[in-house]
Amino acid sequence: MPPELKRLMERYCQLGRLLPAGDDVDRAAALDDPDKREEARLILAEMDRVKAQIDAFLAADKRRRGTAND
């Protein structure tokens, strides 16, 4: 795995571990707190940005491989 992709995937997982854990009841209770809800929103937004970077990396790699195979 390319180091850049590995770094992005590790970051995505690291962010996911910051979200409230447990079952639906545990998560709902945690998110009743407005501060925790805002924190989760920020984490999810960062996860979306990292996911977009992962997707862009994979798309560029696919284009590169497709060109190399022509």
C-alpha atoms as a PDB file:
ATOM      1  CA  MET A   1       0.000   0.000   0.000  1.00  0.00           C
ATOM      2  CA  PRO A   2       1.391   3.432  -0.877  1.00  0.00           C
ATOM      3  CA  PRO A   3       2.448   5.398   2.222  1.00  0.00           C
ATOM      4  CA  GLU A   4       0.126   8.312   1.413  1.00  0.00           C
ATOM      5  CA  LEU A   5      -2.907   6.035   1.176  1.00  0.00           C
ATOM      6  CA  LYS A   6      -1.920   4.227   4.368  1.00  0.00           C
ATOM      7  CA  ARG A   7      -1.565   7.565   6.172  1.00  0.00           C
ATOM      8  CA  LEU A   8      -5.025   8.678   5.004  1.00  0.00           C
ATOM      9  CA  MET A   9      -6.650   5.394   6.012  1.00  0.00           C
ATOM     10  CA  GLU A  10      -4.991   5.491   9.429  1.00  0.00           C
ATOM     11  CA  ARG A  11      -6.221   9.075   9.908  1.00  0.00           C
ATOM     12  CA  TYR A  12      -9.771   8.063   8.940  1.00  0.00           C
ATOM     13  CA  CYS A  13      -9.726   5.234  11.494  1.00  0.00           C
ATOM     14  CA  GLN A  14      -8.179   7.479  14.144  1.00  0.00           C
ATOM     15  CA  LEU A  15     -11.010   9.964  13.685  1.00  0.00           C
ATOM     16  CA  GLY A  16     -13.630   7.222  13.833  1.00  0.00           C
ATOM     17  CA  ARG A  17     -12.305   6.109  17.207  1.00  0.00           C
ATOM     18  CA  LEU A  18     -13.035   9.608  18.554  1.00  0.00           C
ATOM     19  CA  LEU A  19     -16.775   9.217  17.961  1.00  0.00           C
ATOM     20  CA  PRO A  20     -19.068   8.032  20.775  1.00  0.00           C
ATOM     21  CA  ALA A  21     -18.968   4.256  21.104  1.00  0.00           C
ATOM     22  CA  GLY A  22     -21.503   1.735  22.299  1.00  0.00           C
ATOM     23  CA  ASP A  23     -24.965   0.775  21.203  1.00  0.00           C
ATOM     24  CA  ASP A  24     -27.633   3.162  19.908  1.00  0.00           C
ATOM     25  CA  VAL A  25     -28.736   4.073  23.440  1.00  0.00           C
ATOM     26  CA  ASP A  26     -25.166   4.886  24.538  1.00  0.00           C
ATOM     27  CA  ARG A  27     -24.533   7.014  21.460  1.00  0.00           C
ATOM     28  CA  ALA A  28     -27.854   8.824  21.793  1.00  0.00           C
ATOM     29  CA  ALA A  29     -27.108   9.626  25.436  1.00  0.00           C
ATOM     30  CA  ALA A  30     -23.652  10.942  24.539  1.00  0.00           C
ATOM     31  CA  LEU A  31     -25.042  13.094  21.751  1.00  0.00           C
ATOM     32  CA  ASP A  32     -27.677  14.656  24.025  1.00  0.00           C
ATOM     33  CA  ASP A  33     -24.851  16.896  25.232  1.00  0.00           C
ATOM     34  CA  PRO A  34     -24.641  19.857  22.802  1.00  0.00           C
ATOM     35  CA  ASP A  35     -20.850  20.056  23.145  1.00  0.00           C
ATOM     36  CA  LYS A  36     -20.404  16.370  22.366  1.00  0.00           C
ATOM     37  CA  ARG A  37     -22.839  16.684  19.459  1.00  0.00           C
ATOM     38  CA  GLU A  38     -20.798  19.563  18.004  1.00  0.00           C
ATOM     39  CA  GLU A  39     -17.578  17.624  18.520  1.00  0.00           C
ATOM     40  CA  ALA A  40     -19.060  14.634  16.686  1.00  0.00           C
ATOM     41  CA  ARG A  41     -20.185  16.919  13.856  1.00  0.00           C
ATOM     42  CA  LEU A  42     -16.650  18.285  13.507  1.00  0.00           C
ATOM     43  CA  ILE A  43     -15.149  14.790  13.571  1.00  0.00           C
ATOM     44  CA  LEU A  44     -17.572  13.598  10.902  1.00  0.00           C
ATOM     45  CA  ALA A  45     -16.797  16.619   8.736  1.00  0.00           C
ATOM     46  CA  GLU A  46     -13.075  15.851   8.985  1.00  0.00           C
ATOM     47  CA  MET A  47     -13.790  12.198   8.183  1.00  0.00           C
ATOM     48  CA  ASP A  48     -15.650  13.364   5.053  1.00  0.00           C
ATOM     49  CA  ARG A  49     -12.607  15.422   3.998  1.00  0.00           C
ATOM     50  CA  VAL A  50     -10.225  12.517   4.552  1.00  0.00           C
ATOM     51  CA  LYS A  51     -12.588  10.149   2.701  1.00  0.00           C
ATOM     52  CA  ALA A  52     -12.610  12.553  -0.257  1.00  0.00           C
ATOM     53  CA  GLN A  53      -8.797  12.478  -0.240  1.00  0.00           C
ATOM     54  CA  ILE A  54      -8.836   8.669  -0.181  1.00  0.00           C
ATOM     55  CA  ASP A  55     -11.317   8.607  -3.077  1.00  0.00           C
ATOM     56  CA  ALA A  56      -9.208  11.080  -5.055  1.00  0.00           C
ATOM     57  CA  PHE A  57      -6.072   9.027  -4.445  1.00  0.00           C
ATOM     58  CA  LEU A  58      -7.801   5.833  -5.580  1.00  0.00           C
ATOM     59  CA  ALA A  59      -9.291   7.518  -8.661  1.00  0.00           C
ATOM     60  CA  ALA A  60      -5.891   8.926  -9.653  1.00  0.00           C
ATOM     61  CA  ASP A  61      -4.308   5.512  -9.173  1.00  0.00           C
ATOM     62  CA  LYS A  62      -7.023   3.886 -11.273  1.00  0.00           C
ATOM     63  CA  ARG A  63      -6.494   6.460 -14.054  1.00  0.00           C
ATOM     64  CA  ARG A  64      -2.740   5.933 -13.889  1.00  0.00           C
ATOM     65  CA  ARG A  65      -3.125   2.169 -14.092  1.00  0.00           C
ATOM     66  CA  GLY A  66      -5.658   2.429 -16.906  1.00  0.00           C
ATOM     67  CA  THR A  67      -3.301   4.612 -18.923  1.00  0.00           C
ATOM     68  CA  ALA A  68      -0.397   2.289 -18.224  1.00  0.00           C
ATOM     69  CA  ASN A  69      -2.378  -0.716 -19.486  1.00  0.00           C
ATOM     70  CA  ASP A  70      -3.365   0.892 -22.822  1.00  0.00           C
END
